Amino acid sequence: MFLVPGLVSAAVGAAAGAFVPRLIARVPEPAPEPVEEHVVEDMRAAPDEADFARPLDEPKEPYVEVAALPGLWWKAALATAVLLGGVGARIGWHPVLLVFVYLVPVCVALTVIDWRTRLLPTWLIAPSYLVVAALCTLASLLTGDWHALLTAGIGWVSTFAVFFLLWFVYPRGMGYGDVRLSGVLGMALGWLGIGPLVIGMYAGFLVGALGGYLLALLRVFHRRHFPFGPFMALGAWLGVVFTAQLGAAFAGVVQGIAGLLS
């Protein structure tokens, strides 16, 4: 672990996170889109969902109101400081750290938006592809590690393909915003290597399953309609910061299962 890069990254994260409410306030409201007949049923609230704190059919909260939530600026600053500080402590003074200096505050903003509205705005995700791709290229240019840029491309394409397939086969399971976000996260994780990529994406599904169960148990979100984006972002962060630990844990689980079956 690198202490000084972690502390500096935390300070930068706190400063960037304080601007998250302003970023959210700039997001344009989504235009109404025609709904295809086969997804109408998926967009309806479940019969027992009215008893939950955040039912699906509640009115969408305007982004300006989300940005004006009391204390959001310091909560976002604190969250971004902790998350980016962890990445800086793990990566150190490496050019690829710039990728996460950009991506972590954006993911904090997306997490807040998805939690409050169950939407991941393309307005934030689409330009992130260009920025993350440019910063990954810059990191390879500065380090001469072009193989990392190749694995970043593999992470982008493979992760997007997996999420798109899951969405296409079972659209009730996730929104298309999750598919869009997956490519950005896959690109950033892929630059670090196949290990962080696989662990980060798998961790996202794992914490998403556990988090969705707890949210349903606490009657906050229905198990069919909870926001998945925050768990994707958290899983990606875990894949960056705790690659070795999670990799060893997953390997132990696999070996244990194999031992039981043998």
C-alpha atoms as a PDB file:
ATOM      1  CA  MET A   1       0.000   0.000   0.000  1.00  0.00           C
ATOM      2  CA  PHE A   2       1.176   3.532  -0.798  1.00  0.00           C
ATOM      3  CA  LEU A   3       0.397   5.956   2.036  1.00  0.00           C
ATOM      4  CA  VAL A   4       1.240   9.331   0.477  1.00  0.00           C
ATOM      5  CA  PRO A   5      -0.532   8.697  -2.857  1.00  0.00           C
ATOM      6  CA  GLY A   6      -3.520   7.472  -0.876  1.00  0.00           C
ATOM      7  CA  LEU A   7      -3.672  10.626   1.236  1.00  0.00           C
ATOM      8  CA  VAL A   8      -3.231  12.929  -1.755  1.00  0.00           C
ATOM      9  CA  SER A   9      -5.853  10.994  -3.707  1.00  0.00           C
ATOM     10  CA  ALA A  10      -8.238  11.280  -0.761  1.00  0.00           C
ATOM     11  CA  ALA A  11      -7.756  15.053  -0.690  1.00  0.00           C
ATOM     12  CA  VAL A  12      -8.365  15.288  -4.434  1.00  0.00           C
ATOM     13  CA  GLY A  13     -11.399  13.045  -4.044  1.00  0.00           C
ATOM     14  CA  ALA A  14     -12.849  15.238  -1.311  1.00  0.00           C
ATOM     15  CA  ALA A  15     -12.488  18.318  -3.510  1.00  0.00           C
ATOM     16  CA  ALA A  16     -13.992  16.580  -6.547  1.00  0.00           C
ATOM     17  CA  GLY A  17     -16.772  14.952  -4.549  1.00  0.00           C
ATOM     18  CA  ALA A  18     -17.946  18.312  -3.232  1.00  0.00           C
ATOM     19  CA  PHE A  19     -18.876  19.193  -6.824  1.00  0.00           C
ATOM     20  CA  VAL A  20     -20.998  16.064  -7.327  1.00  0.00           C
ATOM     21  CA  PRO A  21     -24.275  17.916  -6.555  1.00  0.00           C
ATOM     22  CA  ARG A  22     -23.434  20.523  -9.211  1.00  0.00           C
ATOM     23  CA  LEU A  23     -22.734  17.753 -11.706  1.00  0.00           C
ATOM     24  CA  ILE A  24     -26.048  16.062 -10.919  1.00  0.00           C
ATOM     25  CA  ALA A  25     -27.911  19.362 -11.273  1.00  0.00           C
ATOM     26  CA  ARG A  26     -26.550  19.744 -14.826  1.00  0.00           C
ATOM     27  CA  VAL A  27     -27.905  16.384 -16.011  1.00  0.00           C
ATOM     28  CA  PRO A  28     -30.846  16.990 -18.375  1.00  0.00           C
ATOM     29  CA  GLU A  29     -34.123  15.302 -17.591  1.00  0.00           C
ATOM     30  CA  PRO A  30     -34.763  12.233 -19.786  1.00  0.00           C
ATOM     31  CA  ALA A  31     -37.157  12.670 -22.676  1.00  0.00           C
ATOM     32  CA  PRO A  32     -40.174  10.326 -22.694  1.00  0.00           C
ATOM     33  CA  GLU A  33     -39.478   7.246 -24.801  1.00  0.00           C
ATOM     34  CA  PRO A  34     -41.966   4.867 -26.424  1.00  0.00           C
ATOM     35  CA  VAL A  35     -42.262   1.664 -24.435  1.00  0.00           C
ATOM     36  CA  GLU A  36     -42.257  -1.622 -26.299  1.00  0.00           C
ATOM     37  CA  GLU A  37     -45.097  -3.976 -25.477  1.00  0.00           C
ATOM     38  CA  HIS A  38     -42.901  -6.808 -24.219  1.00  0.00           C
ATOM     39  CA  VAL A  39     -41.327  -4.658 -21.471  1.00  0.00           C
ATOM     40  CA  VAL A  40     -44.504  -3.058 -20.171  1.00  0.00           C
ATOM     41  CA  GLU A  41     -45.007  -5.844 -17.650  1.00  0.00           C
ATOM     42  CA  ASP A  42     -41.441  -5.426 -16.367  1.00  0.00           C
ATOM     43  CA  MET A  43     -42.044  -1.729 -15.685  1.00  0.00           C
ATOM     44  CA  ARG A  44     -45.098  -2.314 -13.521  1.00  0.00           C
ATOM     45  CA  ALA A  45     -44.811  -2.341  -9.772  1.00  0.00           C
ATOM     46  CA  ALA A  46     -45.133  -5.740  -8.149  1.00  0.00           C
ATOM     47  CA  PRO A  47     -48.477  -6.408  -6.397  1.00  0.00           C
ATOM     48  CA  ASP A  48     -46.932  -5.999  -2.938  1.00  0.00           C
ATOM     49  CA  GLU A  49     -44.564  -3.171  -3.873  1.00  0.00           C
ATOM     50  CA  ALA A  50     -46.722  -0.347  -2.498  1.00  0.00           C
ATOM     51  CA  ASP A  51     -45.591  -1.386   0.989  1.00  0.00           C
ATOM     52  CA  PHE A  52     -41.944  -0.651   0.172  1.00  0.00           C
ATOM     53  CA  ALA A  53     -40.212   2.653   0.905  1.00  0.00           C
ATOM     54  CA  ARG A  54     -39.236   3.097  -2.775  1.00  0.00           C
ATOM     55  CA  PRO A  55     -41.931   1.516  -5.002  1.00  0.00           C
ATOM     56  CA  LEU A  56     -41.339   1.402  -8.743  1.00  0.00           C
ATOM     57  CA  ASP A  57     -44.355   3.549  -9.590  1.00  0.00           C
ATOM     58  CA  GLU A  58     -43.311   6.504  -7.426  1.00  0.00           C
ATOM     59  CA  PRO A  59     -42.861   9.768  -9.419  1.00  0.00           C
ATOM     60  CA  LYS A  60     -39.331  10.273 -10.759  1.00  0.00           C
ATOM     61  CA  GLU A  61     -37.372  12.710  -8.630  1.00  0.00           C
ATOM     62  CA  PRO A  62     -36.001  15.601 -10.769  1.00  0.00           C
ATOM     63  CA  TYR A  63     -32.223  15.738 -10.920  1.00  0.00           C
ATOM     64  CA  VAL A  64     -32.237  19.295  -9.591  1.00  0.00           C
ATOM     65  CA  GLU A  65     -34.030  18.077  -6.476  1.00  0.00           C
ATOM     66  CA  VAL A  66     -31.595  15.178  -6.110  1.00  0.00           C
ATOM     67  CA  ALA A  67     -28.712  17.658  -6.280  1.00  0.00           C
ATOM     68  CA  ALA A  68     -30.338  19.778  -3.573  1.00  0.00           C
ATOM     69  CA  LEU A  69     -30.626  16.950  -1.032  1.00  0.00           C
ATOM     70  CA  PRO A  70     -29.486  18.174   2.407  1.00  0.00           C
ATOM     71  CA  GLY A  71     -25.846  17.398   3.119  1.00  0.00           C
ATOM     72  CA  LEU A  72     -25.231  15.762  -0.260  1.00  0.00           C
ATOM     73  CA  TRP A  73     -22.100  17.792  -0.941  1.00  0.00           C
ATOM     74  CA  TRP A  74     -20.217  16.653   2.156  1.00  0.00           C
ATOM     75  CA  LYS A  75     -21.511  13.084   1.938  1.00  0.00           C
ATOM     76  CA  ALA A  76     -20.345  12.883  -1.688  1.00  0.00           C
ATOM     77  CA  ALA A  77     -17.032  14.505  -0.737  1.00  0.00           C
ATOM     78  CA  LEU A  78     -16.499  11.988   2.065  1.00  0.00           C
ATOM     79  CA  ALA A  79     -17.438   9.002  -0.099  1.00  0.00           C
ATOM     80  CA  THR A  80     -15.222  10.136  -2.971  1.00  0.00           C
ATOM     81  CA  ALA A  81     -12.322  10.799  -0.592  1.00  0.00           C
ATOM     82  CA  VAL A  82     -12.536   7.309   0.902  1.00  0.00           C
ATOM     83  CA  LEU A  83     -12.965   5.557  -2.451  1.00  0.00           C
ATOM     84  CA  LEU A  84     -10.313   7.487  -4.366  1.00  0.00           C
ATOM     85  CA  GLY A  85      -7.973   7.354  -1.385  1.00  0.00           C
ATOM     86  CA  GLY A  86      -8.247   3.575  -1.418  1.00  0.00           C
ATOM     87  CA  VAL A  87      -7.435   3.462  -5.121  1.00  0.00           C
ATOM     88  CA  GLY A  88      -4.458   5.792  -4.681  1.00  0.00           C
ATOM     89  CA  ALA A  89      -3.130   3.705  -1.807  1.00  0.00           C
ATOM     90  CA  ARG A  90      -3.410   0.590  -3.942  1.00  0.00           C
ATOM     91  CA  ILE A  91      -2.024   1.944  -7.239  1.00  0.00           C
ATOM     92  CA  GLY A  92       0.470   4.565  -6.058  1.00  0.00           C
ATOM     93  CA  TRP A  93       1.956   7.261  -8.280  1.00  0.00           C
ATOM     94  CA  HIS A  94       1.020   5.547 -11.515  1.00  0.00           C
ATOM     95  CA  PRO A  95      -0.362   7.296 -14.606  1.00  0.00           C
ATOM     96  CA  VAL A  96      -3.437   5.043 -14.615  1.00  0.00           C
ATOM     97  CA  LEU A  97      -4.467   6.707 -11.345  1.00  0.00           C
ATOM     98  CA  LEU A  98      -5.751   9.567 -13.527  1.00  0.00           C
ATOM     99  CA  VAL A  99      -8.406   7.215 -14.887  1.00  0.00           C
ATOM    100  CA  PHE A 100      -9.842   6.805 -11.419  1.00  0.00           C
ATOM    101  CA  VAL A 101      -9.441  10.468 -10.478  1.00  0.00           C
ATOM    102  CA  TYR A 102     -12.020  11.023 -13.212  1.00  0.00           C
ATOM    103  CA  LEU A 103     -14.076   7.862 -12.838  1.00  0.00           C
ATOM    104  CA  VAL A 104     -14.619   7.734  -9.065  1.00  0.00           C
ATOM    105  CA  PRO A 105     -16.466  11.090  -8.745  1.00  0.00           C
ATOM    106  CA  VAL A 106     -18.545  10.237 -11.808  1.00  0.00           C
ATOM    107  CA  CYS A 107     -19.488   6.878 -10.289  1.00  0.00           C
ATOM    108  CA  VAL A 108     -20.429   8.585  -7.024  1.00  0.00           C
ATOM    109  CA  ALA A 109     -22.743  10.894  -8.981  1.00  0.00           C
ATOM    110  CA  LEU A 110     -24.209   7.939 -10.890  1.00  0.00           C
ATOM    111  CA  THR A 111     -24.700   6.041  -7.639  1.00  0.00           C
ATOM    112  CA  VAL A 112     -26.684   8.905  -6.124  1.00  0.00           C
ATOM    113  CA  ILE A 113     -28.782   9.297  -9.272  1.00  0.00           C
ATOM    114  CA  ASP A 114     -29.487   5.585  -9.668  1.00  0.00           C
ATOM    115  CA  TRP A 115     -30.377   5.224  -5.990  1.00  0.00           C
ATOM    116  CA  ARG A 116     -32.870   8.083  -6.166  1.00  0.00           C
ATOM    117  CA  THR A 117     -34.306   7.547  -9.668  1.00  0.00           C
ATOM    118  CA  ARG A 118     -33.338   4.011 -10.850  1.00  0.00           C
ATOM    119  CA  LEU A 119     -31.768   5.655 -13.903  1.00  0.00           C
ATOM    120  CA  LEU A 120     -28.166   5.883 -15.121  1.00  0.00           C
ATOM    121  CA  PRO A 121     -28.055   8.903 -17.459  1.00  0.00           C
ATOM    122  CA  THR A 122     -26.365   8.468 -20.821  1.00  0.00           C
ATOM    123  CA  TRP A 123     -25.393  12.143 -20.497  1.00  0.00           C
ATOM    124  CA  LEU A 124     -22.788  11.095 -17.920  1.00  0.00           C
ATOM    125  CA  ILE A 125     -21.866   7.647 -19.221  1.00  0.00           C
ATOM    126  CA  ALA A 126     -21.352   8.330 -22.948  1.00  0.00           C
ATOM    127  CA  PRO A 127     -18.576  10.938 -22.562  1.00  0.00           C
ATOM    128  CA  SER A 128     -16.971   8.747 -19.915  1.00  0.00           C
ATOM    129  CA  TYR A 129     -16.120   6.216 -22.628  1.00  0.00           C
ATOM    130  CA  LEU A 130     -14.073   8.850 -24.443  1.00  0.00           C
ATOM    131  CA  VAL A 131     -12.413  10.231 -21.313  1.00  0.00           C
ATOM    132  CA  VAL A 132     -11.520   6.825 -19.863  1.00  0.00           C
ATOM    133  CA  ALA A 133     -10.248   5.596 -23.248  1.00  0.00           C
ATOM    134  CA  ALA A 134      -8.096   8.716 -23.611  1.00  0.00           C
ATOM    135  CA  LEU A 135      -6.678   8.412 -20.090  1.00  0.00           C
ATOM    136  CA  CYS A 136      -5.977   4.689 -20.552  1.00  0.00           C
ATOM    137  CA  THR A 137      -4.132   5.520 -23.770  1.00  0.00           C
ATOM    138  CA  LEU A 138      -2.178   8.252 -21.982  1.00  0.00           C
ATOM    139  CA  ALA A 139      -1.230   5.792 -19.224  1.00  0.00           C
ATOM    140  CA  SER A 140       0.087   3.338 -21.819  1.00  0.00           C
ATOM    141  CA  LEU A 141       1.935   6.115 -23.625  1.00  0.00           C
ATOM    142  CA  LEU A 142       3.658   7.238 -20.431  1.00  0.00           C
ATOM    143  CA  THR A 143       4.529   3.718 -19.254  1.00  0.00           C
ATOM    144  CA  GLY A 144       5.048   1.957 -22.579  1.00  0.00           C
ATOM    145  CA  ASP A 145       2.640  -0.747 -21.422  1.00  0.00           C
ATOM    146  CA  TRP A 146       0.598  -1.269 -24.582  1.00  0.00           C
ATOM    147  CA  HIS A 147      -0.517  -4.714 -23.456  1.00  0.00           C
ATOM    148  CA  ALA A 148      -2.479  -2.987 -20.685  1.00  0.00           C
ATOM    149  CA  LEU A 149      -4.261  -0.914 -23.321  1.00  0.00           C
ATOM    150  CA  LEU A 150      -5.123  -4.134 -25.152  1.00  0.00           C
ATOM    151  CA  THR A 151      -6.601  -5.677 -22.004  1.00  0.00           C
ATOM    152  CA  ALA A 152      -8.512  -2.422 -21.425  1.00  0.00           C
ATOM    153  CA  GLY A 153     -10.091  -2.886 -24.843  1.00  0.00           C
ATOM    154  CA  ILE A 154     -10.805  -6.527 -24.056  1.00  0.00           C
ATOM    155  CA  GLY A 155     -12.381  -5.482 -20.769  1.00  0.00           C
ATOM    156  CA  TRP A 156     -14.550  -2.924 -22.519  1.00  0.00           C
ATOM    157  CA  VAL A 157     -15.830  -5.268 -25.231  1.00  0.00           C
ATOM    158  CA  SER A 158     -16.187  -8.436 -23.140  1.00  0.00           C
ATOM    159  CA  THR A 159     -17.910  -6.773 -20.190  1.00  0.00           C
ATOM    160  CA  PHE A 160     -20.304  -4.856 -22.398  1.00  0.00           C
ATOM    161  CA  ALA A 161     -21.062  -8.043 -24.347  1.00  0.00           C
ATOM    162  CA  VAL A 162     -21.806 -10.047 -21.188  1.00  0.00           C
ATOM    163  CA  PHE A 163     -24.083  -7.382 -19.737  1.00  0.00           C
ATOM    164  CA  PHE A 164     -25.808  -6.832 -23.068  1.00  0.00           C
ATOM    165  CA  LEU A 165     -26.487 -10.557 -23.370  1.00  0.00           C
ATOM    166  CA  LEU A 166     -27.898 -10.679 -19.836  1.00  0.00           C
ATOM    167  CA  TRP A 167     -30.097  -7.658 -20.552  1.00  0.00           C
ATOM    168  CA  PHE A 168     -31.229  -9.044 -23.916  1.00  0.00           C
ATOM    169  CA  VAL A 169     -32.141 -12.457 -22.500  1.00  0.00           C
ATOM    170  CA  TYR A 170     -33.735 -11.160 -19.307  1.00  0.00           C
ATOM    171  CA  PRO A 171     -34.423  -7.382 -19.456  1.00  0.00           C
ATOM    172  CA  ARG A 172     -36.245  -7.547 -16.133  1.00  0.00           C
ATOM    173  CA  GLY A 173     -32.927  -8.316 -14.454  1.00  0.00           C
ATOM    174  CA  MET A 174     -31.229  -4.980 -15.215  1.00  0.00           C
ATOM    175  CA  GLY A 175     -31.697  -1.699 -17.038  1.00  0.00           C
ATOM    176  CA  TYR A 176     -29.846  -0.748 -20.197  1.00  0.00           C
ATOM    177  CA  GLY A 177     -28.046   1.954 -18.230  1.00  0.00           C
ATOM    178  CA  ASP A 178     -26.281  -0.862 -16.373  1.00  0.00           C
ATOM    179  CA  VAL A 179     -25.151  -2.230 -19.733  1.00  0.00           C
ATOM    180  CA  ARG A 180     -23.744   1.154 -20.739  1.00  0.00           C
ATOM    181  CA  LEU A 181     -21.917   1.566 -17.444  1.00  0.00           C
ATOM    182  CA  SER A 182     -20.396  -1.918 -17.628  1.00  0.00           C
ATOM    183  CA  GLY A 183     -18.230  -1.016 -20.615  1.00  0.00           C
ATOM    184  CA  VAL A 184     -16.670   1.977 -18.864  1.00  0.00           C
ATOM    185  CA  LEU A 185     -15.919  -0.029 -15.730  1.00  0.00           C
ATOM    186  CA  GLY A 186     -14.609  -2.937 -17.790  1.00  0.00           C
ATOM    187  CA  MET A 187     -12.223  -0.648 -19.658  1.00  0.00           C
ATOM    188  CA  ALA A 188     -10.765   0.833 -16.470  1.00  0.00           C
ATOM    189  CA  LEU A 189     -10.430  -2.537 -14.745  1.00  0.00           C
ATOM    190  CA  GLY A 190      -9.063  -4.161 -17.880  1.00  0.00           C
ATOM    191  CA  TRP A 191      -6.105  -1.767 -17.990  1.00  0.00           C
ATOM    192  CA  LEU A 192      -5.074  -3.081 -14.578  1.00  0.00           C
ATOM    193  CA  GLY A 193      -5.280  -6.679 -15.804  1.00  0.00           C
ATOM    194  CA  ILE A 194      -7.603  -9.593 -16.391  1.00  0.00           C
ATOM    195  CA  GLY A 195      -7.577 -10.439 -12.668  1.00  0.00           C
ATOM    196  CA  PRO A 196      -8.996  -7.106 -11.476  1.00  0.00           C
ATOM    197  CA  LEU A 197     -11.450  -7.176 -14.384  1.00  0.00           C
ATOM    198  CA  VAL A 198     -12.890 -10.594 -13.550  1.00  0.00           C
ATOM    199  CA  ILE A 199     -12.847 -10.021  -9.796  1.00  0.00           C
ATOM    200  CA  GLY A 200     -14.388  -6.556 -10.065  1.00  0.00           C
ATOM    201  CA  MET A 201     -17.242  -7.667 -12.295  1.00  0.00           C
ATOM    202  CA  TYR A 202     -17.897 -10.817 -10.263  1.00  0.00           C
ATOM    203  CA  ALA A 203     -17.816  -8.815  -7.030  1.00  0.00           C
ATOM    204  CA  GLY A 204     -20.403  -6.463  -8.528  1.00  0.00           C
ATOM    205  CA  PHE A 205     -22.819  -9.334  -9.088  1.00  0.00           C
ATOM    206  CA  LEU A 206     -22.089 -10.774  -5.646  1.00  0.00           C
ATOM    207  CA  VAL A 207     -22.590  -7.558  -3.666  1.00  0.00           C
ATOM    208  CA  GLY A 208     -25.563  -6.749  -5.911  1.00  0.00           C
ATOM    209  CA  ALA A 209     -27.239 -10.032  -5.024  1.00  0.00           C
ATOM    210  CA  LEU A 210     -26.544  -9.599  -1.317  1.00  0.00           C
ATOM    211  CA  GLY A 211     -27.443  -5.916  -1.343  1.00  0.00           C
ATOM    212  CA  GLY A 212     -30.645  -6.501  -3.278  1.00  0.00           C
ATOM    213  CA  TYR A 213     -31.684  -9.179  -0.815  1.00  0.00           C
ATOM    214  CA  LEU A 214     -31.024  -6.901   2.168  1.00  0.00           C
ATOM    215  CA  LEU A 215     -32.844  -3.967   0.570  1.00  0.00           C
ATOM    216  CA  ALA A 216     -35.847  -6.189  -0.084  1.00  0.00           C
ATOM    217  CA  LEU A 217     -35.656  -7.601   3.438  1.00  0.00           C
ATOM    218  CA  LEU A 218     -35.637  -4.062   4.851  1.00  0.00           C
ATOM    219  CA  ARG A 219     -38.472  -3.178   2.451  1.00  0.00           C
ATOM    220  CA  VAL A 220     -36.591  -0.325   0.826  1.00  0.00           C
ATOM    221  CA  PHE A 221     -36.646  -1.593  -2.776  1.00  0.00           C
ATOM    222  CA  HIS A 222     -38.493  -4.575  -4.194  1.00  0.00           C
ATOM    223  CA  ARG A 223     -36.126  -7.392  -5.154  1.00  0.00           C
ATOM    224  CA  ARG A 224     -37.204  -7.010  -8.806  1.00  0.00           C
ATOM    225  CA  HIS A 225     -36.610  -3.261  -8.985  1.00  0.00           C
ATOM    226  CA  PHE A 226     -33.557  -2.261  -6.954  1.00  0.00           C
ATOM    227  CA  PRO A 227     -30.804  -0.063  -8.482  1.00  0.00           C
ATOM    228  CA  PHE A 228     -27.894  -2.222  -9.640  1.00  0.00           C
ATOM    229  CA  GLY A 229     -25.506   0.561 -10.727  1.00  0.00           C
ATOM    230  CA  PRO A 230     -24.234   1.353  -7.206  1.00  0.00           C
ATOM    231  CA  PHE A 231     -23.301  -2.290  -6.677  1.00  0.00           C
ATOM    232  CA  MET A 232     -21.530  -2.457 -10.044  1.00  0.00           C
ATOM    233  CA  ALA A 233     -19.430   0.560  -9.067  1.00  0.00           C
ATOM    234  CA  LEU A 234     -18.702  -0.875  -5.615  1.00  0.00           C
ATOM    235  CA  GLY A 235     -17.713  -4.217  -7.111  1.00  0.00           C
ATOM    236  CA  ALA A 236     -15.339  -2.486  -9.529  1.00  0.00           C
ATOM    237  CA  TRP A 237     -13.748  -0.580  -6.633  1.00  0.00           C
ATOM    238  CA  LEU A 238     -13.296  -3.814  -4.696  1.00  0.00           C
ATOM    239  CA  GLY A 239     -11.678  -5.333  -7.777  1.00  0.00           C
ATOM    240  CA  VAL A 240      -9.135  -2.500  -7.870  1.00  0.00           C
ATOM    241  CA  VAL A 241      -8.324  -2.195  -4.176  1.00  0.00           C
ATOM    242  CA  PHE A 242      -8.691  -5.784  -2.948  1.00  0.00           C
ATOM    243  CA  THR A 243      -7.692  -7.815  -6.007  1.00  0.00           C
ATOM    244  CA  ALA A 244      -5.334 -10.181  -4.189  1.00  0.00           C
ATOM    245  CA  GLN A 245      -7.557 -10.727  -1.166  1.00  0.00           C
ATOM    246  CA  LEU A 246     -10.724 -11.357  -3.159  1.00  0.00           C
ATOM    247  CA  GLY A 247      -8.873 -13.499  -5.666  1.00  0.00           C
ATOM    248  CA  ALA A 248      -7.576 -15.710  -2.861  1.00  0.00           C
ATOM    249  CA  ALA A 249     -11.028 -15.878  -1.280  1.00  0.00           C
ATOM    250  CA  PHE A 250     -12.720 -16.831  -4.553  1.00  0.00           C
ATOM    251  CA  ALA A 251     -10.043 -19.443  -5.253  1.00  0.00           C
ATOM    252  CA  GLY A 252     -10.571 -20.914  -1.795  1.00  0.00           C
ATOM    253  CA  VAL A 253     -14.306 -21.158  -2.366  1.00  0.00           C
ATOM    254  CA  VAL A 254     -13.795 -22.867  -5.729  1.00  0.00           C
ATOM    255  CA  GLN A 255     -11.305 -25.320  -4.247  1.00  0.00           C
ATOM    256  CA  GLY A 256     -13.675 -26.046  -1.369  1.00  0.00           C
ATOM    257  CA  ILE A 257     -16.552 -26.752  -3.742  1.00  0.00           C
ATOM    258  CA  ALA A 258     -14.300 -28.920  -5.903  1.00  0.00           C
ATOM    259  CA  GLY A 259     -13.230 -30.845  -2.817  1.00  0.00           C
ATOM    260  CA  LEU A 260     -16.833 -31.488  -1.825  1.00  0.00           C
ATOM    261  CA  LEU A 261     -17.697 -32.722  -5.304  1.00  0.00           C
ATOM    262  CA  SER A 262     -14.652 -34.964  -5.683  1.00  0.00           C
END
